Full PDB file with SEQRES, HELIX, SHEET, SSBOND, CRYST1, ORIGX, SCALE, CONECT and MASTER records, all heavy atoms in Angstrom:
SEQRES   1 A   36  TYR ALA ALA TYR ARG GLY LEU ASP LYS ALA LYS TYR ARG          
SEQRES   2 A   36  ALA CYS LEU THR ASP ASP TYR VAL LEU LEU GLU ASN GLY          
SEQRES   3 A   36  GLU LEU LEU ASP ALA ASP GLY ASP LEU ALA                      
HELIX    1 AA1 ALA A    2  ARG A    5  1                                   4    
HELIX    2 AA2 LYS A    9  ALA A   14  1                                   6    
HELIX    3 AA3 ALA A   31  LEU A   35  1                                   5    
SHEET    1 AA1 2 VAL A  21  GLU A  24  0                                        
SHEET    2 AA1 2 GLU A  27  ASP A  30 -1                                        
CRYST1    1.000    1.000    1.000  90.00  90.00  90.00 P 1           1          
ORIGX1      1.000000  0.000000  0.000000        0.00000                         
ORIGX2      0.000000  1.000000  0.000000        0.00000                         
ORIGX3      0.000000  0.000000  1.000000        0.00000                         
SCALE1      1.000000  0.000000  0.000000        0.00000                         
SCALE2      0.000000  1.000000  0.000000        0.00000                         
SCALE3      0.000000  0.000000  1.000000        0.00000                         
ATOM      1  N   TYR A   1      -3.920   7.515   4.009  1.00  0.00           N  
ATOM      2  CA  TYR A   1      -3.653   7.181   5.391  1.00  0.00           C  
ATOM      3  C   TYR A   1      -4.904   6.763   6.169  1.00  0.00           C  
ATOM      4  O   TYR A   1      -4.815   5.896   7.041  1.00  0.00           O  
ATOM      5  CB  TYR A   1      -2.870   8.270   6.119  1.00  0.00           C  
ATOM      6  CG  TYR A   1      -1.409   8.207   5.743  1.00  0.00           C  
ATOM      7  CD1 TYR A   1      -0.910   9.017   4.715  1.00  0.00           C  
ATOM      8  CD2 TYR A   1      -0.577   7.266   6.338  1.00  0.00           C  
ATOM      9  CE1 TYR A   1       0.417   8.896   4.369  1.00  0.00           C  
ATOM     10  CE2 TYR A   1       0.744   7.173   5.971  1.00  0.00           C  
ATOM     11  CZ  TYR A   1       1.261   7.964   4.979  1.00  0.00           C  
ATOM     12  OH  TYR A   1       2.554   7.886   4.620  1.00  0.00           O  
ATOM     13  N   ALA A   2      -6.038   7.328   5.847  1.00  0.00           N  
ATOM     14  CA  ALA A   2      -7.298   6.939   6.499  1.00  0.00           C  
ATOM     15  C   ALA A   2      -7.617   5.494   6.117  1.00  0.00           C  
ATOM     16  O   ALA A   2      -8.030   4.725   7.008  1.00  0.00           O  
ATOM     17  CB  ALA A   2      -8.448   7.864   6.094  1.00  0.00           C  
ATOM     18  N   ALA A   3      -7.395   5.113   4.862  1.00  0.00           N  
ATOM     19  CA  ALA A   3      -7.635   3.717   4.466  1.00  0.00           C  
ATOM     20  C   ALA A   3      -6.650   2.789   5.176  1.00  0.00           C  
ATOM     21  O   ALA A   3      -7.004   1.700   5.624  1.00  0.00           O  
ATOM     22  CB  ALA A   3      -7.529   3.600   2.950  1.00  0.00           C  
ATOM     23  N   TYR A   4      -5.391   3.217   5.287  1.00  0.00           N  
ATOM     24  CA  TYR A   4      -4.408   2.381   5.956  1.00  0.00           C  
ATOM     25  C   TYR A   4      -4.765   2.216   7.448  1.00  0.00           C  
ATOM     26  O   TYR A   4      -4.709   1.103   7.964  1.00  0.00           O  
ATOM     27  CB  TYR A   4      -3.014   3.048   5.859  1.00  0.00           C  
ATOM     28  CG  TYR A   4      -1.894   2.188   6.370  1.00  0.00           C  
ATOM     29  CD1 TYR A   4      -1.291   1.263   5.565  1.00  0.00           C  
ATOM     30  CD2 TYR A   4      -1.489   2.296   7.707  1.00  0.00           C  
ATOM     31  CE1 TYR A   4      -0.263   0.474   6.048  1.00  0.00           C  
ATOM     32  CE2 TYR A   4      -0.479   1.477   8.198  1.00  0.00           C  
ATOM     33  CZ  TYR A   4       0.125   0.603   7.374  1.00  0.00           C  
ATOM     34  OH  TYR A   4       1.132  -0.209   7.860  1.00  0.00           O  
ATOM     35  N   ARG A   5      -5.130   3.303   8.101  1.00  0.00           N  
ATOM     36  CA  ARG A   5      -5.541   3.264   9.502  1.00  0.00           C  
ATOM     37  C   ARG A   5      -6.742   2.383   9.723  1.00  0.00           C  
ATOM     38  O   ARG A   5      -6.886   1.739  10.740  1.00  0.00           O  
ATOM     39  CB  ARG A   5      -5.914   4.680  10.028  1.00  0.00           C  
ATOM     40  CG  ARG A   5      -4.810   5.501  10.554  1.00  0.00           C  
ATOM     41  CD  ARG A   5      -5.364   6.753  11.252  1.00  0.00           C  
ATOM     42  NE  ARG A   5      -6.455   7.437  10.627  1.00  0.00           N  
ATOM     43  CZ  ARG A   5      -6.324   8.409   9.746  1.00  0.00           C  
ATOM     44  NH1 ARG A   5      -5.124   8.757   9.321  1.00  0.00           N  
ATOM     45  NH2 ARG A   5      -7.372   8.997   9.202  1.00  0.00           N  
ATOM     46  N   GLY A   6      -7.657   2.397   8.756  1.00  0.00           N  
ATOM     47  CA  GLY A   6      -8.895   1.612   8.849  1.00  0.00           C  
ATOM     48  C   GLY A   6      -8.678   0.109   8.629  1.00  0.00           C  
ATOM     49  O   GLY A   6      -9.621  -0.646   8.805  1.00  0.00           O  
ATOM     50  N   LEU A   7      -7.485  -0.260   8.227  1.00  0.00           N  
ATOM     51  CA  LEU A   7      -7.145  -1.655   8.043  1.00  0.00           C  
ATOM     52  C   LEU A   7      -8.019  -2.340   7.014  1.00  0.00           C  
ATOM     53  O   LEU A   7      -8.204  -3.550   7.053  1.00  0.00           O  
ATOM     54  CB  LEU A   7      -7.188  -2.416   9.374  1.00  0.00           C  
ATOM     55  CG  LEU A   7      -6.328  -1.838  10.512  1.00  0.00           C  
ATOM     56  CD1 LEU A   7      -6.485  -2.637  11.789  1.00  0.00           C  
ATOM     57  CD2 LEU A   7      -4.879  -1.705  10.088  1.00  0.00           C  
ATOM     58  N   ASP A   8      -8.530  -1.566   6.083  1.00  0.00           N  
ATOM     59  CA  ASP A   8      -9.403  -2.095   5.036  1.00  0.00           C  
ATOM     60  C   ASP A   8      -8.555  -2.235   3.758  1.00  0.00           C  
ATOM     61  O   ASP A   8      -8.296  -1.258   3.078  1.00  0.00           O  
ATOM     62  CB  ASP A   8     -10.572  -1.133   4.789  1.00  0.00           C  
ATOM     63  CG  ASP A   8     -11.570  -1.645   3.775  1.00  0.00           C  
ATOM     64  OD1 ASP A   8     -11.145  -2.453   2.890  1.00  0.00           O  
ATOM     65  OD2 ASP A   8     -12.716  -1.209   3.839  1.00  0.00           O  
ATOM     66  N   LYS A   9      -8.086  -3.444   3.532  1.00  0.00           N  
ATOM     67  CA  LYS A   9      -7.129  -3.638   2.447  1.00  0.00           C  
ATOM     68  C   LYS A   9      -7.727  -3.291   1.082  1.00  0.00           C  
ATOM     69  O   LYS A   9      -7.031  -2.778   0.213  1.00  0.00           O  
ATOM     70  CB  LYS A   9      -6.594  -5.081   2.484  1.00  0.00           C  
ATOM     71  CG  LYS A   9      -5.688  -5.304   3.670  1.00  0.00           C  
ATOM     72  CD  LYS A   9      -5.030  -6.668   3.662  1.00  0.00           C  
ATOM     73  CE  LYS A   9      -4.114  -6.804   4.852  1.00  0.00           C  
ATOM     74  NZ  LYS A   9      -3.284  -7.992   4.804  1.00  0.00           N  
ATOM     75  N   ALA A  10      -9.005  -3.573   0.853  1.00  0.00           N  
ATOM     76  CA  ALA A  10      -9.632  -3.272  -0.402  1.00  0.00           C  
ATOM     77  C   ALA A  10      -9.699  -1.737  -0.598  1.00  0.00           C  
ATOM     78  O   ALA A  10      -9.406  -1.228  -1.697  1.00  0.00           O  
ATOM     79  CB  ALA A  10     -10.994  -3.873  -0.476  1.00  0.00           C  
ATOM     80  N   LYS A  11     -10.066  -1.013   0.427  1.00  0.00           N  
ATOM     81  CA  LYS A  11     -10.169   0.432   0.338  1.00  0.00           C  
ATOM     82  C   LYS A  11      -8.758   1.033   0.117  1.00  0.00           C  
ATOM     83  O   LYS A  11      -8.590   1.954  -0.653  1.00  0.00           O  
ATOM     84  CB  LYS A  11     -10.833   0.997   1.585  1.00  0.00           C  
ATOM     85  CG  LYS A  11     -11.140   2.456   1.492  1.00  0.00           C  
ATOM     86  CD  LYS A  11     -11.945   2.923   2.695  1.00  0.00           C  
ATOM     87  CE  LYS A  11     -12.248   4.381   2.612  1.00  0.00           C  
ATOM     88  NZ  LYS A  11     -13.033   4.882   3.758  1.00  0.00           N  
ATOM     89  N   TYR A  12      -7.806   0.495   0.850  1.00  0.00           N  
ATOM     90  CA  TYR A  12      -6.434   0.945   0.731  1.00  0.00           C  
ATOM     91  C   TYR A  12      -5.933   0.696  -0.684  1.00  0.00           C  
ATOM     92  O   TYR A  12      -5.332   1.570  -1.331  1.00  0.00           O  
ATOM     93  CB  TYR A  12      -5.525   0.269   1.779  1.00  0.00           C  
ATOM     94  CG  TYR A  12      -4.109   0.664   1.740  1.00  0.00           C  
ATOM     95  CD1 TYR A  12      -3.708   1.970   2.106  1.00  0.00           C  
ATOM     96  CD2 TYR A  12      -3.102  -0.228   1.373  1.00  0.00           C  
ATOM     97  CE1 TYR A  12      -2.354   2.334   2.089  1.00  0.00           C  
ATOM     98  CE2 TYR A  12      -1.760   0.139   1.364  1.00  0.00           C  
ATOM     99  CZ  TYR A  12      -1.397   1.442   1.717  1.00  0.00           C  
ATOM    100  OH  TYR A  12      -0.086   1.800   1.720  1.00  0.00           O  
ATOM    101  N   ARG A  13      -6.150  -0.538  -1.212  1.00  0.00           N  
ATOM    102  CA  ARG A  13      -5.708  -0.886  -2.552  1.00  0.00           C  
ATOM    103  C   ARG A  13      -6.329   0.077  -3.606  1.00  0.00           C  
ATOM    104  O   ARG A  13      -5.664   0.395  -4.572  1.00  0.00           O  
ATOM    105  CB  ARG A  13      -6.058  -2.342  -2.874  1.00  0.00           C  
ATOM    106  CG  ARG A  13      -5.614  -2.842  -4.222  1.00  0.00           C  
ATOM    107  CD  ARG A  13      -4.073  -2.819  -4.299  1.00  0.00           C  
ATOM    108  NE  ARG A  13      -3.610  -3.216  -5.593  1.00  0.00           N  
ATOM    109  CZ  ARG A  13      -3.258  -2.360  -6.577  1.00  0.00           C  
ATOM    110  NH1 ARG A  13      -3.428  -1.067  -6.425  1.00  0.00           N  
ATOM    111  NH2 ARG A  13      -2.788  -2.780  -7.703  1.00  0.00           N  
ATOM    112  N   ALA A  14      -7.529   0.515  -3.383  1.00  0.00           N  
ATOM    113  CA  ALA A  14      -8.240   1.400  -4.279  1.00  0.00           C  
ATOM    114  C   ALA A  14      -7.537   2.786  -4.350  1.00  0.00           C  
ATOM    115  O   ALA A  14      -7.754   3.526  -5.308  1.00  0.00           O  
ATOM    116  CB  ALA A  14      -9.680   1.547  -3.944  1.00  0.00           C  
ATOM    117  N   CYS A  15      -6.737   3.084  -3.341  1.00  0.00           N  
ATOM    118  CA  CYS A  15      -5.990   4.399  -3.336  1.00  0.00           C  
ATOM    119  C   CYS A  15      -4.727   4.313  -4.158  1.00  0.00           C  
ATOM    120  O   CYS A  15      -4.053   5.336  -4.345  1.00  0.00           O  
ATOM    121  CB  CYS A  15      -5.617   4.736  -1.881  1.00  0.00           C  
ATOM    122  SG  CYS A  15      -6.984   5.092  -0.810  1.00  0.00           S  
ATOM    123  N   LEU A  16      -4.363   3.115  -4.612  1.00  0.00           N  
ATOM    124  CA  LEU A  16      -3.062   2.927  -5.279  1.00  0.00           C  
ATOM    125  C   LEU A  16      -3.221   2.708  -6.783  1.00  0.00           C  
ATOM    126  O   LEU A  16      -4.207   2.131  -7.240  1.00  0.00           O  
ATOM    127  CB  LEU A  16      -2.374   1.689  -4.685  1.00  0.00           C  
ATOM    128  CG  LEU A  16      -2.322   1.566  -3.180  1.00  0.00           C  
ATOM    129  CD1 LEU A  16      -1.686   0.250  -2.753  1.00  0.00           C  
ATOM    130  CD2 LEU A  16      -1.611   2.747  -2.559  1.00  0.00           C  
ATOM    131  N   THR A  17      -2.196   3.125  -7.539  1.00  0.00           N  
ATOM    132  CA  THR A  17      -2.159   2.817  -8.957  1.00  0.00           C  
ATOM    133  C   THR A  17      -1.709   1.342  -9.098  1.00  0.00           C  
ATOM    134  O   THR A  17      -1.181   0.772  -8.168  1.00  0.00           O  
ATOM    135  CB  THR A  17      -1.165   3.711  -9.722  1.00  0.00           C  
ATOM    136  OG1 THR A  17       0.149   3.521  -9.167  1.00  0.00           O  
ATOM    137  CG2 THR A  17      -1.579   5.202  -9.602  1.00  0.00           C  
ATOM    138  N   ASP A  18      -1.863   0.795 -10.284  1.00  0.00           N  
ATOM    139  CA  ASP A  18      -1.471  -0.570 -10.528  1.00  0.00           C  
ATOM    140  C   ASP A  18       0.049  -0.779 -10.431  1.00  0.00           C  
ATOM    141  O   ASP A  18       0.504  -1.893 -10.094  1.00  0.00           O  
ATOM    142  CB  ASP A  18      -1.970  -1.058 -11.894  1.00  0.00           C  
ATOM    143  CG  ASP A  18      -3.476  -1.185 -11.938  1.00  0.00           C  
ATOM    144  OD1 ASP A  18      -4.090  -1.342 -10.904  1.00  0.00           O  
ATOM    145  OD2 ASP A  18      -4.003  -1.080 -13.103  1.00  0.00           O  
ATOM    146  N   ASP A  19       0.801   0.295 -10.636  1.00  0.00           N  
ATOM    147  CA  ASP A  19       2.254   0.192 -10.580  1.00  0.00           C  
ATOM    148  C   ASP A  19       2.829   0.881  -9.357  1.00  0.00           C  
ATOM    149  O   ASP A  19       3.984   1.272  -9.324  1.00  0.00           O  
ATOM    150  CB  ASP A  19       2.888   0.774 -11.844  1.00  0.00           C  
ATOM    151  CG  ASP A  19       2.524   2.238 -12.043  1.00  0.00           C  
ATOM    152  OD1 ASP A  19       1.582   2.765 -11.405  1.00  0.00           O  
ATOM    153  OD2 ASP A  19       3.142   2.888 -12.934  1.00  0.00           O  
ATOM    154  N   TYR A  20       2.049   0.950  -8.282  1.00  0.00           N  
ATOM    155  CA  TYR A  20       2.411   1.632  -7.011  1.00  0.00           C  
ATOM    156  C   TYR A  20       3.759   1.076  -6.467  1.00  0.00           C  
ATOM    157  O   TYR A  20       4.043  -0.137  -6.553  1.00  0.00           O  
ATOM    158  CB  TYR A  20       1.310   1.348  -5.986  1.00  0.00           C  
ATOM    159  CG  TYR A  20       1.672   1.627  -4.538  1.00  0.00           C  
ATOM    160  CD1 TYR A  20       1.667   2.918  -4.064  1.00  0.00           C  
ATOM    161  CD2 TYR A  20       1.990   0.609  -3.694  1.00  0.00           C  
ATOM    162  CE1 TYR A  20       1.961   3.181  -2.736  1.00  0.00           C  
ATOM    163  CE2 TYR A  20       2.282   0.873  -2.334  1.00  0.00           C  
ATOM    164  CZ  TYR A  20       2.256   2.152  -1.888  1.00  0.00           C  
ATOM    165  OH  TYR A  20       2.548   2.400  -0.575  1.00  0.00           O  
ATOM    166  N   VAL A  21       4.576   2.006  -5.941  1.00  0.00           N  
ATOM    167  CA  VAL A  21       5.847   1.639  -5.346  1.00  0.00           C  
ATOM    168  C   VAL A  21       5.947   2.378  -4.008  1.00  0.00           C  
ATOM    169  O   VAL A  21       5.681   3.563  -3.954  1.00  0.00           O  
ATOM    170  CB  VAL A  21       7.028   2.017  -6.227  1.00  0.00           C  
ATOM    171  CG1 VAL A  21       8.369   1.754  -5.575  1.00  0.00           C  
ATOM    172  CG2 VAL A  21       6.960   1.316  -7.585  1.00  0.00           C  
ATOM    173  N   LEU A  22       6.385   1.646  -3.001  1.00  0.00           N  
ATOM    174  CA  LEU A  22       6.666   2.257  -1.659  1.00  0.00           C  
ATOM    175  C   LEU A  22       8.148   2.086  -1.400  1.00  0.00           C  
ATOM    176  O   LEU A  22       8.691   1.001  -1.455  1.00  0.00           O  
ATOM    177  CB  LEU A  22       5.860   1.540  -0.562  1.00  0.00           C  
ATOM    178  CG  LEU A  22       6.229   1.818   0.897  1.00  0.00           C  
ATOM    179  CD1 LEU A  22       5.920   3.316   1.192  1.00  0.00           C  
ATOM    180  CD2 LEU A  22       5.474   0.927   1.874  1.00  0.00           C  
ATOM    181  N   LEU A  23       8.794   3.217  -1.032  1.00  0.00           N  
ATOM    182  CA  LEU A  23      10.186   3.183  -0.600  1.00  0.00           C  
ATOM    183  C   LEU A  23      10.194   3.606   0.846  1.00  0.00           C  
ATOM    184  O   LEU A  23       9.873   4.749   1.192  1.00  0.00           O  
ATOM    185  CB  LEU A  23      11.032   4.218  -1.431  1.00  0.00           C  
ATOM    186  CG  LEU A  23      11.012   3.938  -2.925  1.00  0.00           C  
ATOM    187  CD1 LEU A  23      10.133   4.955  -3.631  1.00  0.00           C  
ATOM    188  CD2 LEU A  23      12.435   4.002  -3.446  1.00  0.00           C  
ATOM    189  N   GLU A  24      10.514   2.659   1.725  1.00  0.00           N  
ATOM    190  CA  GLU A  24      10.451   2.914   3.156  1.00  0.00           C  
ATOM    191  C   GLU A  24      11.469   1.990   3.857  1.00  0.00           C  
ATOM    192  O   GLU A  24      11.567   0.817   3.535  1.00  0.00           O  
ATOM    193  CB  GLU A  24       9.052   2.655   3.694  1.00  0.00           C  
ATOM    194  CG  GLU A  24       8.887   2.973   5.137  1.00  0.00           C  
ATOM    195  CD  GLU A  24       7.454   2.856   5.628  1.00  0.00           C  
ATOM    196  OE1 GLU A  24       6.803   1.831   5.279  1.00  0.00           O  
ATOM    197  OE2 GLU A  24       6.992   3.741   6.320  1.00  0.00           O  
ATOM    198  N   ASN A  25      12.165   2.561   4.838  1.00  0.00           N  
ATOM    199  CA  ASN A  25      13.144   1.806   5.638  1.00  0.00           C  
ATOM    200  C   ASN A  25      14.162   1.057   4.771  1.00  0.00           C  
ATOM    201  O   ASN A  25      14.528  -0.068   5.061  1.00  0.00           O  
ATOM    202  CB  ASN A  25      12.450   0.810   6.570  1.00  0.00           C  
ATOM    203  CG  ASN A  25      11.505   1.505   7.537  1.00  0.00           C  
ATOM    204  OD1 ASN A  25      11.775   2.615   7.987  1.00  0.00           O  
ATOM    205  ND2 ASN A  25      10.398   0.848   7.832  1.00  0.00           N  
ATOM    206  N   GLY A  26      14.553   1.656   3.681  1.00  0.00           N  
ATOM    207  CA  GLY A  26      15.557   1.020   2.809  1.00  0.00           C  
ATOM    208  C   GLY A  26      14.995  -0.113   1.960  1.00  0.00           C  
ATOM    209  O   GLY A  26      15.754  -0.831   1.345  1.00  0.00           O  
ATOM    210  N   GLU A  27      13.668  -0.263   1.946  1.00  0.00           N  
ATOM    211  CA  GLU A  27      13.043  -1.338   1.190  1.00  0.00           C  
ATOM    212  C   GLU A  27      12.205  -0.763   0.042  1.00  0.00           C  
ATOM    213  O   GLU A  27      11.719   0.359   0.119  1.00  0.00           O  
ATOM    214  CB  GLU A  27      12.137  -2.169   2.087  1.00  0.00           C  
ATOM    215  CG  GLU A  27      12.910  -2.960   3.125  1.00  0.00           C  
ATOM    216  CD  GLU A  27      12.033  -3.911   3.891  1.00  0.00           C  
ATOM    217  OE1 GLU A  27      11.181  -4.553   3.259  1.00  0.00           O  
ATOM    218  OE2 GLU A  27      12.164  -3.985   5.114  1.00  0.00           O  
ATOM    219  N   LEU A  28      12.086  -1.565  -0.991  1.00  0.00           N  
ATOM    220  CA  LEU A  28      11.271  -1.229  -2.159  1.00  0.00           C  
ATOM    221  C   LEU A  28      10.120  -2.219  -2.238  1.00  0.00           C  
ATOM    222  O   LEU A  28      10.405  -3.441  -2.393  1.00  0.00           O  
ATOM    223  CB  LEU A  28      12.158  -1.269  -3.421  1.00  0.00           C  
ATOM    224  CG  LEU A  28      11.540  -0.956  -4.730  1.00  0.00           C  
ATOM    225  CD1 LEU A  28      11.127   0.482  -4.787  1.00  0.00           C  
ATOM    226  CD2 LEU A  28      12.546  -1.261  -5.846  1.00  0.00           C  
ATOM    227  N   LEU A  29       8.872  -1.771  -2.044  1.00  0.00           N  
ATOM    228  CA  LEU A  29       7.729  -2.669  -2.041  1.00  0.00           C  
ATOM    229  C   LEU A  29       6.753  -2.279  -3.118  1.00  0.00           C  
ATOM    230  O   LEU A  29       6.513  -1.106  -3.359  1.00  0.00           O  
ATOM    231  CB  LEU A  29       7.035  -2.647  -0.684  1.00  0.00           C  
ATOM    232  CG  LEU A  29       7.816  -3.064   0.572  1.00  0.00           C  
ATOM    233  CD1 LEU A  29       7.015  -2.754   1.819  1.00  0.00           C  
ATOM    234  CD2 LEU A  29       8.161  -4.549   0.483  1.00  0.00           C  
ATOM    235  N   ASP A  30       6.083  -3.290  -3.692  1.00  0.00           N  
ATOM    236  CA  ASP A  30       4.982  -2.996  -4.584  1.00  0.00           C  
ATOM    237  C   ASP A  30       3.688  -3.097  -3.731  1.00  0.00           C  
ATOM    238  O   ASP A  30       3.751  -3.260  -2.517  1.00  0.00           O  
ATOM    239  CB  ASP A  30       4.944  -3.992  -5.763  1.00  0.00           C  
ATOM    240  CG  ASP A  30       4.765  -5.474  -5.342  1.00  0.00           C  
ATOM    241  OD1 ASP A  30       4.501  -5.759  -4.167  1.00  0.00           O  
ATOM    242  OD2 ASP A  30       4.849  -6.307  -6.228  1.00  0.00           O  
ATOM    243  N   ALA A  31       2.538  -2.966  -4.355  1.00  0.00           N  
ATOM    244  CA  ALA A  31       1.298  -2.958  -3.624  1.00  0.00           C  
ATOM    245  C   ALA A  31       1.108  -4.283  -2.841  1.00  0.00           C  
ATOM    246  O   ALA A  31       0.720  -4.234  -1.673  1.00  0.00           O  
ATOM    247  CB  ALA A  31       0.099  -2.742  -4.561  1.00  0.00           C  
ATOM    248  N   ASP A  32       1.374  -5.402  -3.459  1.00  0.00           N  
ATOM    249  CA  ASP A  32       1.189  -6.656  -2.747  1.00  0.00           C  
ATOM    250  C   ASP A  32       2.132  -6.752  -1.516  1.00  0.00           C  
ATOM    251  O   ASP A  32       1.709  -7.237  -0.459  1.00  0.00           O  
ATOM    252  CB  ASP A  32       1.461  -7.834  -3.686  1.00  0.00           C  
ATOM    253  CG  ASP A  32       0.404  -8.001  -4.786  1.00  0.00           C  
ATOM    254  OD1 ASP A  32      -0.743  -7.517  -4.550  1.00  0.00           O  
ATOM    255  OD2 ASP A  32       0.744  -8.563  -5.849  1.00  0.00           O  
ATOM    256  N   GLY A  33       3.390  -6.296  -1.656  1.00  0.00           N  
ATOM    257  CA  GLY A  33       4.279  -6.326  -0.537  1.00  0.00           C  
ATOM    258  C   GLY A  33       3.838  -5.403   0.598  1.00  0.00           C  
ATOM    259  O   GLY A  33       3.989  -5.735   1.757  1.00  0.00           O  
ATOM    260  N   ASP A  34       3.327  -4.248   0.224  1.00  0.00           N  
ATOM    261  CA  ASP A  34       2.850  -3.291   1.207  1.00  0.00           C  
ATOM    262  C   ASP A  34       1.649  -3.861   1.915  1.00  0.00           C  
ATOM    263  O   ASP A  34       1.557  -3.809   3.156  1.00  0.00           O  
ATOM    264  CB  ASP A  34       2.511  -1.973   0.523  1.00  0.00           C  
ATOM    265  CG  ASP A  34       2.200  -0.843   1.488  1.00  0.00           C  
ATOM    266  OD1 ASP A  34       2.474  -0.953   2.682  1.00  0.00           O  
ATOM    267  OD2 ASP A  34       1.690   0.217   1.012  1.00  0.00           O  
ATOM    268  N   LEU A  35       0.697  -4.437   1.201  1.00  0.00           N  
ATOM    269  CA  LEU A  35      -0.486  -4.998   1.794  1.00  0.00           C  
ATOM    270  C   LEU A  35      -0.143  -6.196   2.703  1.00  0.00           C  
ATOM    271  O   LEU A  35      -0.820  -6.408   3.737  1.00  0.00           O  
ATOM    272  CB  LEU A  35      -1.467  -5.426   0.752  1.00  0.00           C  
ATOM    273  CG  LEU A  35      -2.178  -4.288   0.031  1.00  0.00           C  
ATOM    274  CD1 LEU A  35      -2.819  -4.727  -1.248  1.00  0.00           C  
ATOM    275  CD2 LEU A  35      -3.202  -3.627   0.933  1.00  0.00           C  
ATOM    276  N   ALA A  36       0.912  -6.933   2.358  1.00  0.00           N  
ATOM    277  CA  ALA A  36       1.301  -8.083   3.170  1.00  0.00           C  
ATOM    278  C   ALA A  36       1.760  -7.723   4.559  1.00  0.00           C  
ATOM    279  O   ALA A  36       1.608  -8.502   5.506  1.00  0.00           O  
ATOM    280  CB  ALA A  36       2.390  -8.860   2.440  1.00  0.00           C  
TER     281      ALA A  36                                                      
MASTER        0    0    0    3    2    0    0    6  280    1    0    3          
END                                                                             
């Protein structure tokens, strides 16, 4: 969350695995979708 708050996409991406999945608001996002 600190990386997310900092709006540093590279630092945030470094917190994620290559197969990262986010389930939020009924949506399924991968790392690229989350970063977008």
